[in-house]
Structures are given as C-alpha cells and as structure tokens.
C-alpha cells in the first residue's frame, strides 16, 4: 500500500508541477498569441521518479547500474535532477522536466519523513 501511495503522490505532484510551470511560462511570455497555457502530460515518469529518488535518498551509497555502468546511487540522483533542471531551463521539449522534478520532490519529502520516524 505504501508503494501505491508513493506512486500516486508522485503522479499528482508531477502533474501539479507541470501545470504550474506551464502557467508560469505562458504568463511570462511577451507574445501570448501563438501559444496556449493548455496542454497535457502523459506518462508515469513523475511517479517513477518519486520512487527512484526515495531509494536514492535512503541508500545513497548503494550501486546502481546505469547503461551497464556502476554508479553510486547519489550520483544517479544528481544526474537525474540535473537533467530535469536542464530540460526546464531549455524549454521547448517533449519531456516535462518540471513534472519529473515534482515526482522527485515527493520522493525527497517522503525520505525526510521516514528518516524522522527512524
């Protein structure tokens, strides 16, 4: 049940971050005639990011294989967050970096709560 709650929380948070980012970009553009704040986000990447970042933040020294390359989990988490920040900064992408960051946020918040309980 915990994993399901994490998954749904990551998906909802990713959607909220996506919509807030989309509205922020729309209202800060000079020419509003060519784009619309409406849009959609499909996929479960924010929910998966929540679960991955929870694992990475709970076990930062564990080894994760990324494209057959062994990496410390903390490095993989930094790469994931850095990539998403670059996507948000560049804009004009089919991937929602803001949505991914919303999922990562849920993973980090849940980690902080777990560490407080322990």
PDB file of N, CA and C in Angstrom:
ATOM      1  N   UNK A   1       0.817  -1.192   0.000  1.00  0.00           N
ATOM      2  CA  UNK A   1       0.000   0.000   0.000  1.00  0.00           C
ATOM      3  C   UNK A   1       0.868   1.266   0.000  1.00  0.00           C
ATOM      4  N   UNK A   2       2.017   1.181   0.686  1.00  0.00           N
ATOM      5  CA  UNK A   2       2.912   2.333   0.743  1.00  0.00           C
ATOM      6  C   UNK A   2       3.408   2.706  -0.649  1.00  0.00           C
ATOM      7  N   UNK A   3       3.797   1.690  -1.447  1.00  0.00           N
ATOM      8  CA  UNK A   3       4.309   1.944  -2.785  1.00  0.00           C
ATOM      9  C   UNK A   3       3.234   2.566  -3.677  1.00  0.00           C
ATOM     10  N   UNK A   4       2.013   2.111  -3.533  1.00  0.00           N
ATOM     11  CA  UNK A   4       0.911   2.677  -4.316  1.00  0.00           C
ATOM     12  C   UNK A   4       0.686   4.146  -3.953  1.00  0.00           C
ATOM     13  N   UNK A   5       0.736   4.457  -2.656  1.00  0.00           N
ATOM     14  CA  UNK A   5       0.585   5.854  -2.227  1.00  0.00           C
ATOM     15  C   UNK A   5       1.721   6.717  -2.770  1.00  0.00           C
ATOM     16  N   UNK A   6       2.950   6.176  -2.739  1.00  0.00           N
ATOM     17  CA  UNK A   6       4.094   6.917  -3.294  1.00  0.00           C
ATOM     18  C   UNK A   6       3.902   7.174  -4.784  1.00  0.00           C
ATOM     19  N   UNK A   7       3.455   6.159  -5.492  1.00  0.00           N
ATOM     20  CA  UNK A   7       3.268   6.255  -6.931  1.00  0.00           C
ATOM     21  C   UNK A   7       2.222   7.309  -7.279  1.00  0.00           C
ATOM     22  N   UNK A   8       1.078   7.239  -6.624  1.00  0.00           N
ATOM     23  CA  UNK A   8       0.004   8.201  -6.888  1.00  0.00           C
ATOM     24  C   UNK A   8       0.425   9.608  -6.457  1.00  0.00           C
ATOM     25  N   UNK A   9       1.086   9.719  -5.306  1.00  0.00           N
ATOM     26  CA  UNK A   9       1.563  11.030  -4.857  1.00  0.00           C
ATOM     27  C   UNK A   9       2.560  11.642  -5.831  1.00  0.00           C
ATOM     28  N   UNK A  10       3.470  10.822  -6.358  1.00  0.00           N
ATOM     29  CA  UNK A  10       4.424  11.318  -7.354  1.00  0.00           C
ATOM     30  C   UNK A  10       3.740  11.764  -8.626  1.00  0.00           C
ATOM     31  N   UNK A  11       2.726  11.007  -9.062  1.00  0.00           N
ATOM     32  CA  UNK A  11       1.997  11.368 -10.276  1.00  0.00           C
ATOM     33  C   UNK A  11       1.226  12.675 -10.091  1.00  0.00           C
ATOM     34  N   UNK A  12       0.559  12.820  -8.961  1.00  0.00           N
ATOM     35  CA  UNK A  12      -0.215  14.047  -8.698  1.00  0.00           C
ATOM     36  C   UNK A  12       0.719  15.248  -8.567  1.00  0.00           C
ATOM     37  N   UNK A  13       1.802  15.077  -7.819  1.00  0.00           N
ATOM     38  CA  UNK A  13       2.749  16.178  -7.647  1.00  0.00           C
ATOM     39  C   UNK A  13       3.403  16.555  -8.975  1.00  0.00           C
ATOM     40  N   UNK A  14       3.737  15.564  -9.782  1.00  0.00           N
ATOM     41  CA  UNK A  14       4.305  15.852 -11.100  1.00  0.00           C
ATOM     42  C   UNK A  14       3.339  16.633 -11.971  1.00  0.00           C
ATOM     43  N   UNK A  15       2.064  16.274 -11.909  1.00  0.00           N
ATOM     44  CA  UNK A  15       1.053  16.999 -12.689  1.00  0.00           C
ATOM     45  C   UNK A  15       0.915  18.439 -12.208  1.00  0.00           C
ATOM     46  N   UNK A  16       0.947  18.629 -10.900  1.00  0.00           N
ATOM     47  CA  UNK A  16       0.842  19.987 -10.345  1.00  0.00           C
ATOM     48  C   UNK A  16       2.052  20.822 -10.753  1.00  0.00           C
ATOM     49  N   UNK A  17       3.249  20.269 -10.621  1.00  0.00           N
ATOM     50  CA  UNK A  17       4.451  20.996 -11.026  1.00  0.00           C
ATOM     51  C   UNK A  17       4.407  21.323 -12.514  1.00  0.00           C
ATOM     52  N   UNK A  18       3.929  20.391 -13.337  1.00  0.00           N
ATOM     53  CA  UNK A  18       3.823  20.616 -14.772  1.00  0.00           C
ATOM     54  C   UNK A  18       2.880  21.778 -15.070  1.00  0.00           C
ATOM     55  N   UNK A  19       1.705  21.780 -14.445  1.00  0.00           N
ATOM     56  CA  UNK A  19       0.725  22.837 -14.705  1.00  0.00           C
ATOM     57  C   UNK A  19       1.213  24.198 -14.218  1.00  0.00           C
ATOM     58  N   UNK A  20       1.858  24.227 -13.057  1.00  0.00           N
ATOM     59  CA  UNK A  20       2.388  25.491 -12.542  1.00  0.00           C
ATOM     60  C   UNK A  20       3.482  26.021 -13.464  1.00  0.00           C
ATOM     61  N   UNK A  21       4.362  25.145 -13.923  1.00  0.00           N
ATOM     62  CA  UNK A  21       5.425  25.573 -14.834  1.00  0.00           C
ATOM     63  C   UNK A  21       4.848  26.060 -16.154  1.00  0.00           C
ATOM     64  N   UNK A  22       3.866  25.346 -16.689  1.00  0.00           N
ATOM     65  CA  UNK A  22       3.242  25.743 -17.947  1.00  0.00           C
ATOM     66  C   UNK A  22       2.577  27.116 -17.811  1.00  0.00           C
ATOM     67  N   UNK A  23       1.874  27.354 -16.706  1.00  0.00           N
ATOM     68  CA  UNK A  23       1.226  28.650 -16.491  1.00  0.00           C
ATOM     69  C   UNK A  23       2.264  29.756 -16.311  1.00  0.00           C
ATOM     70  N   UNK A  24       3.335  29.466 -15.576  1.00  0.00           N
ATOM     71  CA  UNK A  24       4.393  30.457 -15.364  1.00  0.00           C
ATOM     72  C   UNK A  24       5.040  30.868 -16.684  1.00  0.00           C
ATOM     73  N   UNK A  25       5.342  29.897 -17.528  1.00  0.00           N
ATOM     74  CA  UNK A  25       5.961  30.200 -18.824  1.00  0.00           C
ATOM     75  C   UNK A  25       4.996  30.988 -19.696  1.00  0.00           C
ATOM     76  N   UNK A  26       3.728  30.599 -19.711  1.00  0.00           N
ATOM     77  CA  UNK A  26       2.748  31.275 -20.544  1.00  0.00           C
ATOM     78  C   UNK A  26       2.573  32.729 -20.155  1.00  0.00           C
ATOM     79  N   UNK A  27       2.460  32.999 -18.866  1.00  0.00           N
ATOM     80  CA  UNK A  27       2.184  34.373 -18.429  1.00  0.00           C
ATOM     81  C   UNK A  27       3.433  35.253 -18.416  1.00  0.00           C
ATOM     82  N   UNK A  28       4.604  34.676 -18.583  1.00  0.00           N
ATOM     83  CA  UNK A  28       5.817  35.483 -18.653  1.00  0.00           C
ATOM     84  C   UNK A  28       6.329  35.666 -20.076  1.00  0.00           C
ATOM     85  N   UNK A  29       5.588  35.208 -21.065  1.00  0.00           N
ATOM     86  CA  UNK A  29       5.976  35.410 -22.455  1.00  0.00           C
ATOM     87  C   UNK A  29       5.518  36.779 -22.924  1.00  0.00           C
ATOM     88  N   UNK A  30       6.287  37.352 -23.835  1.00  0.00           N
ATOM     89  CA  UNK A  30       5.891  38.643 -24.387  1.00  0.00           C
ATOM     90  C   UNK A  30       4.752  38.499 -25.380  1.00  0.00           C
ATOM     91  N   UNK A  31       4.823  37.517 -26.268  1.00  0.00           N
ATOM     92  CA  UNK A  31       3.802  37.303 -27.287  1.00  0.00           C
ATOM     93  C   UNK A  31       2.933  36.126 -26.864  1.00  0.00           C
ATOM     94  N   UNK A  32       1.706  36.416 -26.451  1.00  0.00           N
ATOM     95  CA  UNK A  32       0.817  35.352 -25.979  1.00  0.00           C
ATOM     96  C   UNK A  32      -0.076  34.807 -27.083  1.00  0.00           C
ATOM     97  N   UNK A  33       0.045  35.326 -28.279  1.00  0.00           N
ATOM     98  CA  UNK A  33      -0.862  34.909 -29.328  1.00  0.00           C
ATOM     99  C   UNK A  33      -0.574  33.534 -29.891  1.00  0.00           C
ATOM    100  N   UNK A  34       0.651  33.049 -29.849  1.00  0.00           N
ATOM    101  CA  UNK A  34       0.984  31.799 -30.536  1.00  0.00           C
ATOM    102  C   UNK A  34       0.965  30.565 -29.648  1.00  0.00           C
ATOM    103  N   UNK A  35       0.927  30.744 -28.349  1.00  0.00           N
ATOM    104  CA  UNK A  35       0.910  29.549 -27.500  1.00  0.00           C
ATOM    105  C   UNK A  35      -0.262  29.611 -26.531  1.00  0.00           C
ATOM    106  N   UNK A  36      -0.513  28.512 -25.921  1.00  0.00           N
ATOM    107  CA  UNK A  36      -1.652  28.410 -25.016  1.00  0.00           C
ATOM    108  C   UNK A  36      -1.200  27.775 -23.713  1.00  0.00           C
ATOM    109  N   UNK A  37      -1.803  28.160 -22.589  1.00  0.00           N
ATOM    110  CA  UNK A  37      -1.431  27.512 -21.336  1.00  0.00           C
ATOM    111  C   UNK A  37      -1.987  26.101 -21.232  1.00  0.00           C
ATOM    112  N   UNK A  38      -2.895  25.753 -22.140  1.00  0.00           N
ATOM    113  CA  UNK A  38      -3.451  24.409 -22.112  1.00  0.00           C
ATOM    114  C   UNK A  38      -2.427  23.430 -22.657  1.00  0.00           C
ATOM    115  N   UNK A  39      -2.423  22.297 -22.109  1.00  0.00           N
ATOM    116  CA  UNK A  39      -1.521  21.254 -22.561  1.00  0.00           C
ATOM    117  C   UNK A  39      -1.799  20.010 -21.763  1.00  0.00           C
ATOM    118  N   UNK A  40      -1.128  18.966 -22.101  1.00  0.00           N
ATOM    119  CA  UNK A  40      -1.343  17.739 -21.368  1.00  0.00           C
ATOM    120  C   UNK A  40       0.000  17.051 -21.153  1.00  0.00           C
ATOM    121  N   UNK A  41       0.018  16.240 -20.149  1.00  0.00           N
ATOM    122  CA  UNK A  41       1.216  15.464 -19.848  1.00  0.00           C
ATOM    123  C   UNK A  41       0.785  14.011 -19.703  1.00  0.00           C
ATOM    124  N   UNK A  42       1.414  13.162 -20.459  1.00  0.00           N
ATOM    125  CA  UNK A  42       1.108  11.742 -20.412  1.00  0.00           C
ATOM    126  C   UNK A  42       2.316  10.998 -19.876  1.00  0.00           C
ATOM    127  N   UNK A  43       2.061   9.912 -19.228  1.00  0.00           N
ATOM    128  CA  UNK A  43       3.155   9.076 -18.763  1.00  0.00           C
ATOM    129  C   UNK A  43       3.216   9.007 -17.257  1.00  0.00           C
ATOM    130  N   UNK A  44       4.066   8.119 -16.811  1.00  0.00           N
ATOM    131  CA  UNK A  44       4.192   7.876 -15.381  1.00  0.00           C
ATOM    132  C   UNK A  44       5.584   8.220 -14.884  1.00  0.00           C
ATOM    133  N   UNK A  45       6.283   9.049 -15.621  1.00  0.00           N
ATOM    134  CA  UNK A  45       7.682   9.322 -15.275  1.00  0.00           C
ATOM    135  C   UNK A  45       7.829  10.057 -13.945  1.00  0.00           C
ATOM    136  N   UNK A  46       6.909  10.926 -13.597  1.00  0.00           N
ATOM    137  CA  UNK A  46       6.998  11.629 -12.312  1.00  0.00           C
ATOM    138  C   UNK A  46       6.805  10.649 -11.158  1.00  0.00           C
ATOM    139  N   UNK A  47       5.883   9.705 -11.318  1.00  0.00           N
ATOM    140  CA  UNK A  47       5.658   8.706 -10.271  1.00  0.00           C
ATOM    141  C   UNK A  47       6.873   7.800 -10.113  1.00  0.00           C
ATOM    142  N   UNK A  48       7.472   7.413 -11.223  1.00  0.00           N
ATOM    143  CA  UNK A  48       8.679   6.575 -11.169  1.00  0.00           C
ATOM    144  C   UNK A  48       9.830   7.367 -10.566  1.00  0.00           C
ATOM    145  N   UNK A  49       9.944   8.648 -10.909  1.00  0.00           N
ATOM    146  CA  UNK A  49      10.993   9.487 -10.306  1.00  0.00           C
ATOM    147  C   UNK A  49      10.834   9.566  -8.795  1.00  0.00           C
ATOM    148  N   UNK A  50       9.609   9.623  -8.309  1.00  0.00           N
ATOM    149  CA  UNK A  50       9.386   9.674  -6.858  1.00  0.00           C
ATOM    150  C   UNK A  50       9.946   8.427  -6.192  1.00  0.00           C
ATOM    151  N   UNK A  51       9.688   7.264  -6.771  1.00  0.00           N
ATOM    152  CA  UNK A  51      10.150   6.019  -6.182  1.00  0.00           C
ATOM    153  C   UNK A  51      11.662   5.892  -6.284  1.00  0.00           C
ATOM    154  N   UNK A  52      12.227   6.259  -7.434  1.00  0.00           N
ATOM    155  CA  UNK A  52      13.681   6.171  -7.606  1.00  0.00           C
ATOM    156  C   UNK A  52      14.388   7.129  -6.654  1.00  0.00           C
ATOM    157  N   UNK A  53      13.906   8.362  -6.539  1.00  0.00           N
ATOM    158  CA  UNK A  53      14.576   9.324  -5.657  1.00  0.00           C
ATOM    159  C   UNK A  53      14.407   8.960  -4.193  1.00  0.00           C
ATOM    160  N   UNK A  54      13.334   8.285  -3.823  1.00  0.00           N
ATOM    161  CA  UNK A  54      13.207   7.789  -2.455  1.00  0.00           C
ATOM    162  C   UNK A  54      14.299   6.759  -2.179  1.00  0.00           C
ATOM    163  N   UNK A  55      14.481   5.821  -3.101  1.00  0.00           N
ATOM    164  CA  UNK A  55      15.519   4.808  -2.922  1.00  0.00           C
ATOM    165  C   UNK A  55      16.906   5.451  -2.879  1.00  0.00           C
ATOM    166  N   UNK A  56      17.151   6.378  -3.796  1.00  0.00           N
ATOM    167  CA  UNK A  56      18.463   7.038  -3.866  1.00  0.00           C
ATOM    168  C   UNK A  56      18.748   7.818  -2.586  1.00  0.00           C
ATOM    169  N   UNK A  57      17.752   8.477  -2.036  1.00  0.00           N
ATOM    170  CA  UNK A  57      17.989   9.273  -0.831  1.00  0.00           C
ATOM    171  C   UNK A  57      18.070   8.402   0.423  1.00  0.00           C
ATOM    172  N   UNK A  58      17.439   7.237   0.429  1.00  0.00           N
ATOM    173  CA  UNK A  58      17.558   6.337   1.580  1.00  0.00           C
ATOM    174  C   UNK A  58      18.862   5.544   1.563  1.00  0.00           C
ATOM    175  N   UNK A  59      19.329   5.183   0.363  1.00  0.00           N
ATOM    176  CA  UNK A  59      20.542   4.370   0.229  1.00  0.00           C
ATOM    177  C   UNK A  59      21.503   5.029  -0.764  1.00  0.00           C
ATOM    178  N   UNK A  60      22.111   6.159  -0.417  1.00  0.00           N
ATOM    179  CA  UNK A  60      22.928   6.909  -1.382  1.00  0.00           C
ATOM    180  C   UNK A  60      24.235   6.209  -1.772  1.00  0.00           C
ATOM    181  N   UNK A  61      24.706   5.299  -0.962  1.00  0.00           N
ATOM    182  CA  UNK A  61      25.977   4.631  -1.274  1.00  0.00           C
ATOM    183  C   UNK A  61      25.800   3.319  -2.022  1.00  0.00           C
ATOM    184  N   UNK A  62      24.576   2.904  -2.241  1.00  0.00           N
ATOM    185  CA  UNK A  62      24.368   1.657  -2.973  1.00  0.00           C
ATOM    186  C   UNK A  62      24.769   1.848  -4.434  1.00  0.00           C
ATOM    187  N   UNK A  63      25.037   0.750  -5.108  1.00  0.00           N
ATOM    188  CA  UNK A  63      25.484   0.798  -6.502  1.00  0.00           C
ATOM    189  C   UNK A  63      24.297   0.492  -7.407  1.00  0.00           C
ATOM    190  N   UNK A  64      24.094   1.359  -8.382  1.00  0.00           N
ATOM    191  CA  UNK A  64      23.047   1.181  -9.383  1.00  0.00           C
ATOM    192  C   UNK A  64      23.721   1.124 -10.747  1.00  0.00           C
ATOM    193  N   UNK A  65      23.313   0.176 -11.561  1.00  0.00           N
ATOM    194  CA  UNK A  65      23.874   0.055 -12.905  1.00  0.00           C
ATOM    195  C   UNK A  65      23.043   0.876 -13.874  1.00  0.00           C
ATOM    196  N   UNK A  66      23.684   1.852 -14.486  1.00  0.00           N
ATOM    197  CA  UNK A  66      23.039   2.740 -15.453  1.00  0.00           C
ATOM    198  C   UNK A  66      23.728   2.521 -16.789  1.00  0.00           C
ATOM    199  N   UNK A  67      23.028   1.910 -17.728  1.00  0.00           N
ATOM    200  CA  UNK A  67      23.614   1.528 -19.022  1.00  0.00           C
ATOM    201  C   UNK A  67      24.870   0.688 -18.833  1.00  0.00           C
ATOM    202  N   UNK A  68      24.787  -0.284 -17.951  1.00  0.00           N
ATOM    203  CA  UNK A  68      25.868  -1.220 -17.632  1.00  0.00           C
ATOM    204  C   UNK A  68      27.068  -0.562 -16.972  1.00  0.00           C
ATOM    205  N   UNK A  69      26.909   0.647 -16.483  1.00  0.00           N
ATOM    206  CA  UNK A  69      27.986   1.353 -15.781  1.00  0.00           C
ATOM    207  C   UNK A  69      27.595   1.444 -14.314  1.00  0.00           C
ATOM    208  N   UNK A  70      28.425   0.910 -13.413  1.00  0.00           N
ATOM    209  CA  UNK A  70      28.076   1.007 -11.991  1.00  0.00           C
ATOM    210  C   UNK A  70      28.276   2.433 -11.470  1.00  0.00           C
ATOM    211  N   UNK A  71      27.243   2.973 -10.862  1.00  0.00           N
ATOM    212  CA  UNK A  71      27.288   4.324 -10.305  1.00  0.00           C
ATOM    213  C   UNK A  71      26.782   4.297  -8.875  1.00  0.00           C
ATOM    214  N   UNK A  72      27.341   5.157  -8.009  1.00  0.00           N
ATOM    215  CA  UNK A  72      26.717   5.311  -6.689  1.00  0.00           C
ATOM    216  C   UNK A  72      25.316   5.916  -6.871  1.00  0.00           C
ATOM    217  N   UNK A  73      24.408   5.506  -6.035  1.00  0.00           N
ATOM    218  CA  UNK A  73      23.024   5.962  -6.164  1.00  0.00           C
ATOM    219  C   UNK A  73      22.927   7.483  -6.064  1.00  0.00           C
ATOM    220  N   UNK A  74      23.741   8.091  -5.217  1.00  0.00           N
ATOM    221  CA  UNK A  74      23.702   9.551  -5.072  1.00  0.00           C
ATOM    222  C   UNK A  74      24.071  10.243  -6.383  1.00  0.00           C
ATOM    223  N   UNK A  75      25.018   9.664  -7.120  1.00  0.00           N
ATOM    224  CA  UNK A  75      25.406  10.262  -8.399  1.00  0.00           C
ATOM    225  C   UNK A  75      24.278  10.136  -9.419  1.00  0.00           C
ATOM    226  N   UNK A  76      23.610   8.986  -9.426  1.00  0.00           N
ATOM    227  CA  UNK A  76      22.489   8.819 -10.334  1.00  0.00           C
ATOM    228  C   UNK A  76      21.374   9.809 -10.008  1.00  0.00           C
ATOM    229  N   UNK A  77      21.101  10.029  -8.724  1.00  0.00           N
ATOM    230  CA  UNK A  77      20.097  11.013  -8.335  1.00  0.00           C
ATOM    231  C   UNK A  77      20.478  12.417  -8.781  1.00  0.00           C
ATOM    232  N   UNK A  78      21.746  12.763  -8.626  1.00  0.00           N
ATOM    233  CA  UNK A  78      22.211  14.083  -9.070  1.00  0.00           C
ATOM    234  C   UNK A  78      22.095  14.221 -10.588  1.00  0.00           C
ATOM    235  N   UNK A  79      22.404  13.162 -11.310  1.00  0.00           N
ATOM    236  CA  UNK A  79      22.286  13.196 -12.768  1.00  0.00           C
ATOM    237  C   UNK A  79      20.822  13.371 -13.177  1.00  0.00           C
ATOM    238  N   UNK A  80      19.931  12.646 -12.513  1.00  0.00           N
ATOM    239  CA  UNK A  80      18.507  12.758 -12.847  1.00  0.00           C
ATOM    240  C   UNK A  80      17.977  14.164 -12.592  1.00  0.00           C
ATOM    241  N   UNK A  81      18.277  14.713 -11.432  1.00  0.00           N
ATOM    242  CA  UNK A  81      17.791  16.056 -11.105  1.00  0.00           C
ATOM    243  C   UNK A  81      18.444  17.103 -12.004  1.00  0.00           C
ATOM    244  N   UNK A  82      19.735  16.962 -12.258  1.00  0.00           N
ATOM    245  CA  UNK A  82      20.426  17.899 -13.147  1.00  0.00           C
ATOM    246  C   UNK A  82      19.862  17.878 -14.558  1.00  0.00           C
ATOM    247  N   UNK A  83      19.575  16.690 -15.066  1.00  0.00           N
ATOM    248  CA  UNK A  83      18.984  16.572 -16.403  1.00  0.00           C
ATOM    249  C   UNK A  83      17.618  17.244 -16.456  1.00  0.00           C
ATOM    250  N   UNK A  84      16.817  17.034 -15.433  1.00  0.00           N
ATOM    251  CA  UNK A  84      15.492  17.653 -15.412  1.00  0.00           C
ATOM    252  C   UNK A  84      15.577  19.172 -15.291  1.00  0.00           C
ATOM    253  N   UNK A  85      16.517  19.666 -14.519  1.00  0.00           N
ATOM    254  CA  UNK A  85      16.705  21.121 -14.431  1.00  0.00           C
ATOM    255  C   UNK A  85      17.135  21.699 -15.769  1.00  0.00           C
ATOM    256  N   UNK A  86      17.997  20.986 -16.495  1.00  0.00           N
ATOM    257  CA  UNK A  86      18.402  21.455 -17.830  1.00  0.00           C
ATOM    258  C   UNK A  86      17.226  21.465 -18.794  1.00  0.00           C
ATOM    259  N   UNK A  87      16.358  20.454 -18.703  1.00  0.00           N
ATOM    260  CA  UNK A  87      15.176  20.413 -19.568  1.00  0.00           C
ATOM    261  C   UNK A  87      14.257  21.587 -19.266  1.00  0.00           C
ATOM    262  N   UNK A  88      14.067  21.897 -17.987  1.00  0.00           N
ATOM    263  CA  UNK A  88      13.215  23.038 -17.613  1.00  0.00           C
ATOM    264  C   UNK A  88      13.835  24.340 -18.111  1.00  0.00           C
ATOM    265  N   UNK A  89      15.150  24.467 -17.974  1.00  0.00           N
ATOM    266  CA  UNK A  89      15.835  25.699 -18.375  1.00  0.00           C
ATOM    267  C   UNK A  89      15.779  25.896 -19.887  1.00  0.00           C
ATOM    268  N   UNK A  90      16.009  24.810 -20.651  1.00  0.00           N
ATOM    269  CA  UNK A  90      15.992  24.914 -22.105  1.00  0.00           C
ATOM    270  C   UNK A  90      14.591  25.147 -22.637  1.00  0.00           C
ATOM    271  N   UNK A  91      13.614  24.500 -22.024  1.00  0.00           N
ATOM    272  CA  UNK A  91      12.246  24.606 -22.513  1.00  0.00           C
ATOM    273  C   UNK A  91      12.100  23.911 -23.853  1.00  0.00           C
ATOM    274  N   UNK A  92      10.963  24.074 -24.494  1.00  0.00           N
ATOM    275  CA  UNK A  92      10.721  23.531 -25.824  1.00  0.00           C
ATOM    276  C   UNK A  92      11.103  22.063 -25.941  1.00  0.00           C
ATOM    277  N   UNK A  93      10.624  21.263 -25.047  1.00  0.00           N
ATOM    278  CA  UNK A  93      10.933  19.845 -25.066  1.00  0.00           C
ATOM    279  C   UNK A  93       9.652  19.051 -24.959  1.00  0.00           C
ATOM    280  N   UNK A  94       9.688  17.852 -25.455  1.00  0.00           N
ATOM    281  CA  UNK A  94       8.530  16.968 -25.343  1.00  0.00           C
ATOM    282  C   UNK A  94       8.512  16.256 -23.992  1.00  0.00           C
ATOM    283  N   UNK A  95       9.560  16.451 -23.206  1.00  0.00           N
ATOM    284  CA  UNK A  95       9.663  15.850 -21.883  1.00  0.00           C
ATOM    285  C   UNK A  95       9.440  16.949 -20.852  1.00  0.00           C
ATOM    286  N   UNK A  96       8.618  16.678 -19.863  1.00  0.00           N
ATOM    287  CA  UNK A  96       8.340  17.676 -18.840  1.00  0.00           C
ATOM    288  C   UNK A  96       9.327  17.532 -17.687  1.00  0.00           C
ATOM    289  N   UNK A  97      10.354  18.352 -17.704  1.00  0.00           N
ATOM    290  CA  UNK A  97      11.311  18.362 -16.606  1.00  0.00           C
ATOM    291  C   UNK A  97      10.666  18.808 -15.310  1.00  0.00           C
ATOM    292  N   UNK A  98       9.716  19.720 -15.405  1.00  0.00           N
ATOM    293  CA  UNK A  98       9.011  20.183 -14.203  1.00  0.00           C
ATOM    294  C   UNK A  98       8.201  19.055 -13.582  1.00  0.00           C
ATOM    295  N   UNK A  99       7.584  18.229 -14.402  1.00  0.00           N
ATOM    296  CA  UNK A  99       6.846  17.087 -13.888  1.00  0.00           C
ATOM    297  C   UNK A  99       7.759  16.094 -13.190  1.00  0.00           C
ATOM    298  N   UNK A 100       8.914  15.846 -13.794  1.00  0.00           N
ATOM    299  CA  UNK A 100       9.895  14.949 -13.169  1.00  0.00           C
ATOM    300  C   UNK A 100      10.354  15.502 -11.825  1.00  0.00           C
ATOM    301  N   UNK A 101      10.583  16.793 -11.774  1.00  0.00           N
ATOM    302  CA  UNK A 101      11.006  17.408 -10.511  1.00  0.00           C
ATOM    303  C   UNK A 101       9.906  17.335  -9.456  1.00  0.00           C
ATOM    304  N   UNK A 102       8.657  17.382  -9.878  1.00  0.00           N
ATOM    305  CA  UNK A 102       7.552  17.211  -8.938  1.00  0.00           C
ATOM    306  C   UNK A 102       7.565  15.826  -8.308  1.00  0.00           C
ATOM    307  N   UNK A 103       7.828  14.815  -9.107  1.00  0.00           N
ATOM    308  CA  UNK A 103       7.950  13.470  -8.571  1.00  0.00           C
ATOM    309  C   UNK A 103       9.146  13.336  -7.648  1.00  0.00           C
ATOM    310  N   UNK A 104      10.267  13.932  -8.030  1.00  0.00           N
ATOM    311  CA  UNK A 104      11.470  13.895  -7.187  1.00  0.00           C
ATOM    312  C   UNK A 104      11.209  14.579  -5.850  1.00  0.00           C
ATOM    313  N   UNK A 105      10.447  15.649  -5.887  1.00  0.00           N
ATOM    314  CA  UNK A 105      10.099  16.364  -4.652  1.00  0.00           C
ATOM    315  C   UNK A 105       9.354  15.452  -3.683  1.00  0.00           C
ATOM    316  N   UNK A 106       8.402  14.684  -4.194  1.00  0.00           N
ATOM    317  CA  UNK A 106       7.649  13.765  -3.336  1.00  0.00           C
ATOM    318  C   UNK A 106       8.582  12.714  -2.751  1.00  0.00           C
ATOM    319  N   UNK A 107       9.491  12.178  -3.562  1.00  0.00           N
ATOM    320  CA  UNK A 107      10.438  11.191  -3.057  1.00  0.00           C
ATOM    321  C   UNK A 107      11.306  11.735  -1.941  1.00  0.00           C
ATOM    322  N   UNK A 108      11.763  12.965  -2.078  1.00  0.00           N
ATOM    323  CA  UNK A 108      12.614  13.564  -1.052  1.00  0.00           C
ATOM    324  C   UNK A 108      11.827  13.903   0.217  1.00  0.00           C
ATOM    325  N   UNK A 109      10.578  14.338   0.061  1.00  0.00           N
ATOM    326  CA  UNK A 109       9.749  14.636   1.232  1.00  0.00           C
ATOM    327  C   UNK A 109       9.442  13.357   2.007  1.00  0.00           C
ATOM    328  N   UNK A 110       9.114  12.294   1.303  1.00  0.00           N
ATOM    329  CA  UNK A 110       8.832  11.023   1.978  1.00  0.00           C
ATOM    330  C   UNK A 110      10.085  10.501   2.666  1.00  0.00           C
ATOM    331  N   UNK A 111      11.243  10.658   2.053  1.00  0.00           N
ATOM    332  CA  UNK A 111      12.502  10.248   2.689  1.00  0.00           C
ATOM    333  C   UNK A 111      12.724  11.016   3.983  1.00  0.00           C
ATOM    334  N   UNK A 112      12.484  12.304   3.962  1.00  0.00           N
ATOM    335  CA  UNK A 112      12.663  13.106   5.179  1.00  0.00           C
ATOM    336  C   UNK A 112      11.710  12.629   6.280  1.00  0.00           C
ATOM    337  N   UNK A 113      10.490  12.276   5.913  1.00  0.00           N
ATOM    338  CA  UNK A 113       9.540  11.786   6.918  1.00  0.00           C
ATOM    339  C   UNK A 113       9.949  10.421   7.455  1.00  0.00           C
ATOM    340  N   UNK A 114      10.456   9.562   6.582  1.00  0.00           N
ATOM    341  CA  UNK A 114      10.901   8.241   7.033  1.00  0.00           C
ATOM    342  C   UNK A 114      12.082   8.371   7.980  1.00  0.00           C
ATOM    343  N   UNK A 115      13.030   9.221   7.637  1.00  0.00           N
ATOM    344  CA  UNK A 115      14.207   9.414   8.491  1.00  0.00           C
ATOM    345  C   UNK A 115      13.812  10.001   9.852  1.00  0.00           C
ATOM    346  N   UNK A 116      12.774  10.796   9.894  1.00  0.00           N
ATOM    347  CA  UNK A 116      12.323  11.356  11.164  1.00  0.00           C
ATOM    348  C   UNK A 116      11.673  10.282  12.041  1.00  0.00           C
ATOM    349  N   UNK A 117      11.010   9.304  11.405  1.00  0.00           N
ATOM    350  CA  UNK A 117      10.374   8.216  12.158  1.00  0.00           C
ATOM    351  C   UNK A 117      11.397   7.245  12.719  1.00  0.00           C
ATOM    352  N   UNK A 118      12.528   7.111  12.035  1.00  0.00           N
ATOM    353  CA  UNK A 118      13.521   6.103  12.454  1.00  0.00           C
ATOM    354  C   UNK A 118      14.340   6.598  13.627  1.00  0.00           C
TER     355      UNK A 118
END
